[in-house]
Amino acid sequence: MIRRIIKRFLYFWQKRKCGFISQTAWLKPTVKVYRPKNLYMYDNTSLTDDTIIMNTRAKFIMKEGSASAIGLLVITGNHMKVK
């Protein structure tokens, strides 16, 4: 019962800060996301231990049924041209 309450609390906390997180998505406590509003996680997705997502301007989207490897590092951007 307590575990379910904690899981529900974490879900609402994550959802409030992030672009979209499905109820069946899972983030481990060691995951670091530098721009949560650009994080989108759909059904049955998970980010595992020591994952770092630096999504400065672009969105990071995990489609249904995907998971990250331990120690994943993702750096996104909009790749603007420099004149």
PDB file of N, CA and C in Angstrom:
ATOM      1  N   MET A   1       0.820  -1.190   0.000  1.00  0.00           N
ATOM      2  CA  MET A   1       0.000   0.000   0.000  1.00  0.00           C
ATOM      3  C   MET A   1       0.866   1.258   0.000  1.00  0.00           C
ATOM      4  N   ILE A   2       1.859   1.301   0.873  1.00  0.00           N
ATOM      5  CA  ILE A   2       2.745   2.473   0.943  1.00  0.00           C
ATOM      6  C   ILE A   2       3.539   2.613  -0.351  1.00  0.00           C
ATOM      7  N   ARG A   3       3.966   1.495  -0.904  1.00  0.00           N
ATOM      8  CA  ARG A   3       4.729   1.522  -2.150  1.00  0.00           C
ATOM      9  C   ARG A   3       3.885   2.127  -3.285  1.00  0.00           C
ATOM     10  N   ARG A   4       2.614   1.772  -3.311  1.00  0.00           N
ATOM     11  CA  ARG A   4       1.713   2.306  -4.333  1.00  0.00           C
ATOM     12  C   ARG A   4       1.530   3.813  -4.163  1.00  0.00           C
ATOM     13  N   ILE A   5       1.429   4.279  -2.932  1.00  0.00           N
ATOM     14  CA  ILE A   5       1.283   5.716  -2.657  1.00  0.00           C
ATOM     15  C   ILE A   5       2.534   6.465  -3.086  1.00  0.00           C
ATOM     16  N   ILE A   6       3.695   5.917  -2.765  1.00  0.00           N
ATOM     17  CA  ILE A   6       4.959   6.555  -3.150  1.00  0.00           C
ATOM     18  C   ILE A   6       5.074   6.607  -4.676  1.00  0.00           C
ATOM     19  N   LYS A   7       4.734   5.506  -5.348  1.00  0.00           N
ATOM     20  CA  LYS A   7       4.812   5.462  -6.806  1.00  0.00           C
ATOM     21  C   LYS A   7       3.879   6.503  -7.420  1.00  0.00           C
ATOM     22  N   ARG A   8       2.684   6.638  -6.872  1.00  0.00           N
ATOM     23  CA  ARG A   8       1.707   7.603  -7.378  1.00  0.00           C
ATOM     24  C   ARG A   8       2.211   9.036  -7.156  1.00  0.00           C
ATOM     25  N   PHE A   9       2.799   9.306  -5.989  1.00  0.00           N
ATOM     26  CA  PHE A   9       3.353  10.628  -5.698  1.00  0.00           C
ATOM     27  C   PHE A   9       4.457  10.967  -6.688  1.00  0.00           C
ATOM     28  N   LEU A  10       5.380  10.025  -6.923  1.00  0.00           N
ATOM     29  CA  LEU A  10       6.476  10.258  -7.861  1.00  0.00           C
ATOM     30  C   LEU A  10       5.951  10.506  -9.259  1.00  0.00           C
ATOM     31  N   TYR A  11       4.900   9.772  -9.640  1.00  0.00           N
ATOM     32  CA  TYR A  11       4.325   9.960 -10.969  1.00  0.00           C
ATOM     33  C   TYR A  11       3.817  11.393 -11.133  1.00  0.00           C
ATOM     34  N   PHE A  12       3.056  11.892 -10.165  1.00  0.00           N
ATOM     35  CA  PHE A  12       2.517  13.242 -10.278  1.00  0.00           C
ATOM     36  C   PHE A  12       3.618  14.283 -10.217  1.00  0.00           C
ATOM     37  N   TRP A  13       4.646  14.061  -9.401  1.00  0.00           N
ATOM     38  CA  TRP A  13       5.771  14.989  -9.320  1.00  0.00           C
ATOM     39  C   TRP A  13       6.500  15.055 -10.658  1.00  0.00           C
ATOM     40  N   GLN A  14       6.774  13.883 -11.253  1.00  0.00           N
ATOM     41  CA  GLN A  14       7.471  13.827 -12.532  1.00  0.00           C
ATOM     42  C   GLN A  14       6.629  14.449 -13.641  1.00  0.00           C
ATOM     43  N   LYS A  15       5.342  14.137 -13.649  1.00  0.00           N
ATOM     44  CA  LYS A  15       4.464  14.629 -14.699  1.00  0.00           C
ATOM     45  C   LYS A  15       4.355  16.150 -14.659  1.00  0.00           C
ATOM     46  N   ARG A  16       4.341  16.721 -13.485  1.00  0.00           N
ATOM     47  CA  ARG A  16       4.225  18.162 -13.344  1.00  0.00           C
ATOM     48  C   ARG A  16       5.426  18.875 -13.954  1.00  0.00           C
ATOM     49  N   LYS A  17       6.592  18.302 -13.833  1.00  0.00           N
ATOM     50  CA  LYS A  17       7.816  18.944 -14.302  1.00  0.00           C
ATOM     51  C   LYS A  17       8.162  18.604 -15.744  1.00  0.00           C
ATOM     52  N   CYS A  18       7.632  17.509 -16.267  1.00  0.00           N
ATOM     53  CA  CYS A  18       8.047  17.002 -17.574  1.00  0.00           C
ATOM     54  C   CYS A  18       7.020  17.314 -18.659  1.00  0.00           C
ATOM     55  N   GLY A  19       7.474  17.182 -19.913  1.00  0.00           N
ATOM     56  CA  GLY A  19       6.582  17.383 -21.043  1.00  0.00           C
ATOM     57  C   GLY A  19       5.442  16.386 -21.018  1.00  0.00           C
ATOM     58  N   PHE A  20       5.759  15.088 -20.972  1.00  0.00           N
ATOM     59  CA  PHE A  20       4.752  14.040 -20.853  1.00  0.00           C
ATOM     60  C   PHE A  20       5.423  12.778 -20.322  1.00  0.00           C
ATOM     61  N   ILE A  21       4.802  12.162 -19.332  1.00  0.00           N
ATOM     62  CA  ILE A  21       5.250  10.871 -18.825  1.00  0.00           C
ATOM     63  C   ILE A  21       4.014  10.008 -18.622  1.00  0.00           C
ATOM     64  N   SER A  22       4.001   8.861 -19.282  1.00  0.00           N
ATOM     65  CA  SER A  22       2.887   7.923 -19.146  1.00  0.00           C
ATOM     66  C   SER A  22       2.868   7.315 -17.745  1.00  0.00           C
ATOM     67  N   GLN A  23       1.714   6.817 -17.328  1.00  0.00           N
ATOM     68  CA  GLN A  23       1.626   6.170 -16.023  1.00  0.00           C
ATOM     69  C   GLN A  23       2.449   4.890 -15.968  1.00  0.00           C
ATOM     70  N   THR A  24       2.719   4.281 -17.124  1.00  0.00           N
ATOM     71  CA  THR A  24       3.492   3.040 -17.138  1.00  0.00           C
ATOM     72  C   THR A  24       4.983   3.284 -17.395  1.00  0.00           C
ATOM     73  N   ALA A  25       5.388   4.546 -17.527  1.00  0.00           N
ATOM     74  CA  ALA A  25       6.810   4.873 -17.712  1.00  0.00           C
ATOM     75  C   ALA A  25       7.501   4.892 -16.351  1.00  0.00           C
ATOM     76  N   TRP A  26       8.814   4.630 -16.353  1.00  0.00           N
ATOM     77  CA  TRP A  26       9.552   4.541 -15.096  1.00  0.00           C
ATOM     78  C   TRP A  26      10.899   5.243 -15.215  1.00  0.00           C
ATOM     79  N   LEU A  27      11.192   6.097 -14.235  1.00  0.00           N
ATOM     80  CA  LEU A  27      12.498   6.756 -14.128  1.00  0.00           C
ATOM     81  C   LEU A  27      13.156   6.297 -12.842  1.00  0.00           C
ATOM     82  N   LYS A  28      14.376   5.820 -12.924  1.00  0.00           N
ATOM     83  CA  LYS A  28      15.125   5.461 -11.716  1.00  0.00           C
ATOM     84  C   LYS A  28      15.561   6.736 -11.001  1.00  0.00           C
ATOM     85  N   PRO A  29      15.769   6.680  -9.688  1.00  0.00           N
ATOM     86  CA  PRO A  29      16.171   7.885  -8.936  1.00  0.00           C
ATOM     87  C   PRO A  29      17.506   8.482  -9.361  1.00  0.00           C
ATOM     88  N   THR A  30      18.372   7.699  -9.989  1.00  0.00           N
ATOM     89  CA  THR A  30      19.691   8.209 -10.379  1.00  0.00           C
ATOM     90  C   THR A  30      19.692   8.885 -11.754  1.00  0.00           C
ATOM     91  N   VAL A  31      18.552   8.978 -12.413  1.00  0.00           N
ATOM     92  CA  VAL A  31      18.448   9.629 -13.723  1.00  0.00           C
ATOM     93  C   VAL A  31      18.542  11.142 -13.539  1.00  0.00           C
ATOM     94  N   LYS A  32      19.347  11.793 -14.397  1.00  0.00           N
ATOM     95  CA  LYS A  32      19.473  13.252 -14.363  1.00  0.00           C
ATOM     96  C   LYS A  32      18.970  13.807 -15.693  1.00  0.00           C
ATOM     97  N   VAL A  33      17.956  14.665 -15.616  1.00  0.00           N
ATOM     98  CA  VAL A  33      17.402  15.316 -16.803  1.00  0.00           C
ATOM     99  C   VAL A  33      17.555  16.813 -16.604  1.00  0.00           C
ATOM    100  N   TYR A  34      18.258  17.471 -17.524  1.00  0.00           N
ATOM    101  CA  TYR A  34      18.554  18.888 -17.348  1.00  0.00           C
ATOM    102  C   TYR A  34      17.443  19.815 -17.819  1.00  0.00           C
ATOM    103  N   ARG A  35      16.540  19.352 -18.645  1.00  0.00           N
ATOM    104  CA  ARG A  35      15.402  20.165 -19.107  1.00  0.00           C
ATOM    105  C   ARG A  35      14.165  19.285 -19.113  1.00  0.00           C
ATOM    106  N   PRO A  36      13.568  19.036 -17.943  1.00  0.00           N
ATOM    107  CA  PRO A  36      12.441  18.099 -17.841  1.00  0.00           C
ATOM    108  C   PRO A  36      11.260  18.424 -18.743  1.00  0.00           C
ATOM    109  N   LYS A  37      11.039  19.694 -19.058  1.00  0.00           N
ATOM    110  CA  LYS A  37       9.888  20.032 -19.891  1.00  0.00           C
ATOM    111  C   LYS A  37      10.034  19.502 -21.321  1.00  0.00           C
ATOM    112  N   ASN A  38      11.244  19.095 -21.718  1.00  0.00           N
ATOM    113  CA  ASN A  38      11.473  18.524 -23.041  1.00  0.00           C
ATOM    114  C   ASN A  38      11.579  16.997 -23.017  1.00  0.00           C
ATOM    115  N   LEU A  39      11.140  16.375 -21.928  1.00  0.00           N
ATOM    116  CA  LEU A  39      11.195  14.918 -21.797  1.00  0.00           C
ATOM    117  C   LEU A  39       9.804  14.332 -22.033  1.00  0.00           C
ATOM    118  N   TYR A  40       9.720  13.383 -22.967  1.00  0.00           N
ATOM    119  CA  TYR A  40       8.461  12.720 -23.307  1.00  0.00           C
ATOM    120  C   TYR A  40       8.679  11.212 -23.260  1.00  0.00           C
ATOM    121  N   MET A  41       7.952  10.542 -22.363  1.00  0.00           N
ATOM    122  CA  MET A  41       8.082   9.089 -22.204  1.00  0.00           C
ATOM    123  C   MET A  41       6.692   8.462 -22.330  1.00  0.00           C
ATOM    124  N   TYR A  42       6.550   7.563 -23.298  1.00  0.00           N
ATOM    125  CA  TYR A  42       5.254   6.945 -23.553  1.00  0.00           C
ATOM    126  C   TYR A  42       5.150   5.597 -22.845  1.00  0.00           C
ATOM    127  N   ASP A  43       4.108   4.836 -23.109  1.00  0.00           N
ATOM    128  CA  ASP A  43       3.796   3.596 -22.389  1.00  0.00           C
ATOM    129  C   ASP A  43       4.964   2.599 -22.367  1.00  0.00           C
ATOM    130  N   ASN A  44       5.158   1.997 -21.204  1.00  0.00           N
ATOM    131  CA  ASN A  44       6.139   0.928 -20.981  1.00  0.00           C
ATOM    132  C   ASN A  44       7.556   1.330 -21.382  1.00  0.00           C
ATOM    133  N   THR A  45       7.971   2.524 -20.977  1.00  0.00           N
ATOM    134  CA  THR A  45       9.338   2.969 -21.216  1.00  0.00           C
ATOM    135  C   THR A  45      10.053   3.130 -19.879  1.00  0.00           C
ATOM    136  N   SER A  46      11.377   3.045 -19.903  1.00  0.00           N
ATOM    137  CA  SER A  46      12.124   3.218 -18.656  1.00  0.00           C
ATOM    138  C   SER A  46      13.509   3.788 -18.919  1.00  0.00           C
ATOM    139  N   LEU A  47      13.939   4.622 -17.999  1.00  0.00           N
ATOM    140  CA  LEU A  47      15.307   5.142 -17.982  1.00  0.00           C
ATOM    141  C   LEU A  47      15.985   4.526 -16.773  1.00  0.00           C
ATOM    142  N   THR A  48      17.093   3.832 -16.998  1.00  0.00           N
ATOM    143  CA  THR A  48      17.740   3.067 -15.937  1.00  0.00           C
ATOM    144  C   THR A  48      18.861   3.854 -15.262  1.00  0.00           C
ATOM    145  N   ASP A  49      19.615   3.163 -14.430  1.00  0.00           N
ATOM    146  CA  ASP A  49      20.634   3.770 -13.575  1.00  0.00           C
ATOM    147  C   ASP A  49      21.651   4.621 -14.332  1.00  0.00           C
ATOM    148  N   ASP A  50      21.996   5.736 -13.701  1.00  0.00           N
ATOM    149  CA  ASP A  50      23.056   6.639 -14.162  1.00  0.00           C
ATOM    150  C   ASP A  50      22.833   7.200 -15.564  1.00  0.00           C
ATOM    151  N   THR A  51      21.596   7.352 -15.983  1.00  0.00           N
ATOM    152  CA  THR A  51      21.281   7.961 -17.271  1.00  0.00           C
ATOM    153  C   THR A  51      21.330   9.477 -17.131  1.00  0.00           C
ATOM    154  N   ILE A  52      21.941  10.139 -18.107  1.00  0.00           N
ATOM    155  CA  ILE A  52      22.005  11.604 -18.130  1.00  0.00           C
ATOM    156  C   ILE A  52      21.418  12.065 -19.453  1.00  0.00           C
ATOM    157  N   ILE A  53      20.434  12.965 -19.382  1.00  0.00           N
ATOM    158  CA  ILE A  53      19.821  13.510 -20.585  1.00  0.00           C
ATOM    159  C   ILE A  53      19.979  15.024 -20.546  1.00  0.00           C
ATOM    160  N   MET A  54      20.776  15.547 -21.472  1.00  0.00           N
ATOM    161  CA  MET A  54      20.998  16.985 -21.580  1.00  0.00           C
ATOM    162  C   MET A  54      20.212  17.460 -22.808  1.00  0.00           C
ATOM    163  N   ASN A  55      18.954  17.749 -22.604  1.00  0.00           N
ATOM    164  CA  ASN A  55      18.082  18.160 -23.708  1.00  0.00           C
ATOM    165  C   ASN A  55      17.867  19.658 -23.626  1.00  0.00           C
ATOM    166  N   THR A  56      18.811  20.387 -24.183  1.00  0.00           N
ATOM    167  CA  THR A  56      18.819  21.834 -24.034  1.00  0.00           C
ATOM    168  C   THR A  56      17.674  22.507 -24.778  1.00  0.00           C
ATOM    169  N   ARG A  57      17.552  22.275 -26.067  1.00  0.00           N
ATOM    170  CA  ARG A  57      16.497  22.920 -26.853  1.00  0.00           C
ATOM    171  C   ARG A  57      15.592  21.927 -27.553  1.00  0.00           C
ATOM    172  N   ALA A  58      16.058  20.742 -27.809  1.00  0.00           N
ATOM    173  CA  ALA A  58      15.268  19.741 -28.521  1.00  0.00           C
ATOM    174  C   ALA A  58      14.581  18.806 -27.537  1.00  0.00           C
ATOM    175  N   LYS A  59      13.588  18.077 -28.020  1.00  0.00           N
ATOM    176  CA  LYS A  59      12.859  17.129 -27.181  1.00  0.00           C
ATOM    177  C   LYS A  59      13.561  15.777 -27.182  1.00  0.00           C
ATOM    178  N   PHE A  60      13.480  15.086 -26.050  1.00  0.00           N
ATOM    179  CA  PHE A  60      13.918  13.698 -25.955  1.00  0.00           C
ATOM    180  C   PHE A  60      12.649  12.862 -25.830  1.00  0.00           C
ATOM    181  N   ILE A  61      12.390  12.004 -26.828  1.00  0.00           N
ATOM    182  CA  ILE A  61      11.154  11.230 -26.869  1.00  0.00           C
ATOM    183  C   ILE A  61      11.485   9.737 -26.844  1.00  0.00           C
ATOM    184  N   MET A  62      10.861   9.027 -25.900  1.00  0.00           N
ATOM    185  CA  MET A  62      10.979   7.565 -25.848  1.00  0.00           C
ATOM    186  C   MET A  62       9.639   6.978 -26.272  1.00  0.00           C
ATOM    187  N   LYS A  63       9.659   6.201 -27.348  1.00  0.00           N
ATOM    188  CA  LYS A  63       8.428   5.592 -27.858  1.00  0.00           C
ATOM    189  C   LYS A  63       8.063   4.371 -27.027  1.00  0.00           C
ATOM    190  N   GLU A  64       6.870   3.854 -27.251  1.00  0.00           N
ATOM    191  CA  GLU A  64       6.339   2.730 -26.478  1.00  0.00           C
ATOM    192  C   GLU A  64       7.275   1.522 -26.476  1.00  0.00           C
ATOM    193  N   GLY A  65       7.422   0.913 -25.308  1.00  0.00           N
ATOM    194  CA  GLY A  65       8.164  -0.334 -25.160  1.00  0.00           C
ATOM    195  C   GLY A  65       9.674  -0.212 -25.252  1.00  0.00           C
ATOM    196  N   SER A  66      10.234   0.954 -25.003  1.00  0.00           N
ATOM    197  CA  SER A  66      11.691   1.101 -25.084  1.00  0.00           C
ATOM    198  C   SER A  66      12.294   1.344 -23.697  1.00  0.00           C
ATOM    199  N   ALA A  67      13.589   1.056 -23.611  1.00  0.00           N
ATOM    200  CA  ALA A  67      14.313   1.236 -22.348  1.00  0.00           C
ATOM    201  C   ALA A  67      15.732   1.684 -22.662  1.00  0.00           C
ATOM    202  N   SER A  68      16.356   2.334 -21.694  1.00  0.00           N
ATOM    203  CA  SER A  68      17.729   2.791 -21.887  1.00  0.00           C
ATOM    204  C   SER A  68      18.705   1.786 -21.279  1.00  0.00           C
ATOM    205  N   ALA A  69      19.937   1.861 -21.732  1.00  0.00           N
ATOM    206  CA  ALA A  69      21.005   1.060 -21.150  1.00  0.00           C
ATOM    207  C   ALA A  69      21.532   1.785 -19.914  1.00  0.00           C
ATOM    208  N   ILE A  70      22.204   1.056 -19.058  1.00  0.00           N
ATOM    209  CA  ILE A  70      22.815   1.664 -17.874  1.00  0.00           C
ATOM    210  C   ILE A  70      23.919   2.617 -18.329  1.00  0.00           C
ATOM    211  N   GLY A  71      23.911   3.826 -17.778  1.00  0.00           N
ATOM    212  CA  GLY A  71      24.939   4.804 -18.108  1.00  0.00           C
ATOM    213  C   GLY A  71      24.725   5.531 -19.423  1.00  0.00           C
ATOM    214  N   LEU A  72      23.514   5.540 -19.944  1.00  0.00           N
ATOM    215  CA  LEU A  72      23.215   6.232 -21.198  1.00  0.00           C
ATOM    216  C   LEU A  72      23.444   7.732 -21.051  1.00  0.00           C
ATOM    217  N   LEU A  73      24.059   8.353 -22.054  1.00  0.00           N
ATOM    218  CA  LEU A  73      24.261   9.800 -22.095  1.00  0.00           C
ATOM    219  C   LEU A  73      23.659  10.305 -23.394  1.00  0.00           C
ATOM    220  N   VAL A  74      22.691  11.221 -23.296  1.00  0.00           N
ATOM    221  CA  VAL A  74      22.042  11.794 -24.477  1.00  0.00           C
ATOM    222  C   VAL A  74      22.223  13.302 -24.406  1.00  0.00           C
ATOM    223  N   ILE A  75      22.721  13.878 -25.509  1.00  0.00           N
ATOM    224  CA  ILE A  75      22.863  15.328 -25.610  1.00  0.00           C
ATOM    225  C   ILE A  75      22.115  15.751 -26.856  1.00  0.00           C
ATOM    226  N   THR A  76      21.071  16.558 -26.675  1.00  0.00           N
ATOM    227  CA  THR A  76      20.290  17.015 -27.826  1.00  0.00           C
ATOM    228  C   THR A  76      20.487  18.507 -28.016  1.00  0.00           C
ATOM    229  N   GLY A  77      20.115  18.991 -29.167  1.00  0.00           N
ATOM    230  CA  GLY A  77      20.187  20.412 -29.471  1.00  0.00           C
ATOM    231  C   GLY A  77      19.467  20.658 -30.773  1.00  0.00           C
ATOM    232  N   ASN A  78      19.490  21.893 -31.218  1.00  0.00           N
ATOM    233  CA  ASN A  78      18.810  22.184 -32.471  1.00  0.00           C
ATOM    234  C   ASN A  78      19.787  22.320 -33.638  1.00  0.00           C
ATOM    235  N   HIS A  79      21.063  22.184 -33.409  1.00  0.00           N
ATOM    236  CA  HIS A  79      22.100  22.183 -34.434  1.00  0.00           C
ATOM    237  C   HIS A  79      21.988  23.395 -35.366  1.00  0.00           C
ATOM    238  N   MET A  80      21.980  24.569 -34.778  1.00  0.00           N
ATOM    239  CA  MET A  80      21.870  25.795 -35.576  1.00  0.00           C
ATOM    240  C   MET A  80      23.135  25.986 -36.395  1.00  0.00           C
ATOM    241  N   LYS A  81      22.963  26.586 -37.575  1.00  0.00           N
ATOM    242  CA  LYS A  81      24.107  26.907 -38.418  1.00  0.00           C
ATOM    243  C   LYS A  81      24.864  28.094 -37.842  1.00  0.00           C
ATOM    244  N   VAL A  82      26.161  28.035 -37.918  1.00  0.00           N
ATOM    245  CA  VAL A  82      27.000  29.142 -37.459  1.00  0.00           C
ATOM    246  C   VAL A  82      27.558  29.815 -38.709  1.00  0.00           C
ATOM    247  N   LYS A  83      27.377  31.114 -38.810  1.00  0.00           N
ATOM    248  CA  LYS A  83      27.859  31.843 -40.004  1.00  0.00           C
ATOM    249  C   LYS A  83      29.218  32.423 -39.782  1.00  0.00           C
TER     250      LYS A  83
END
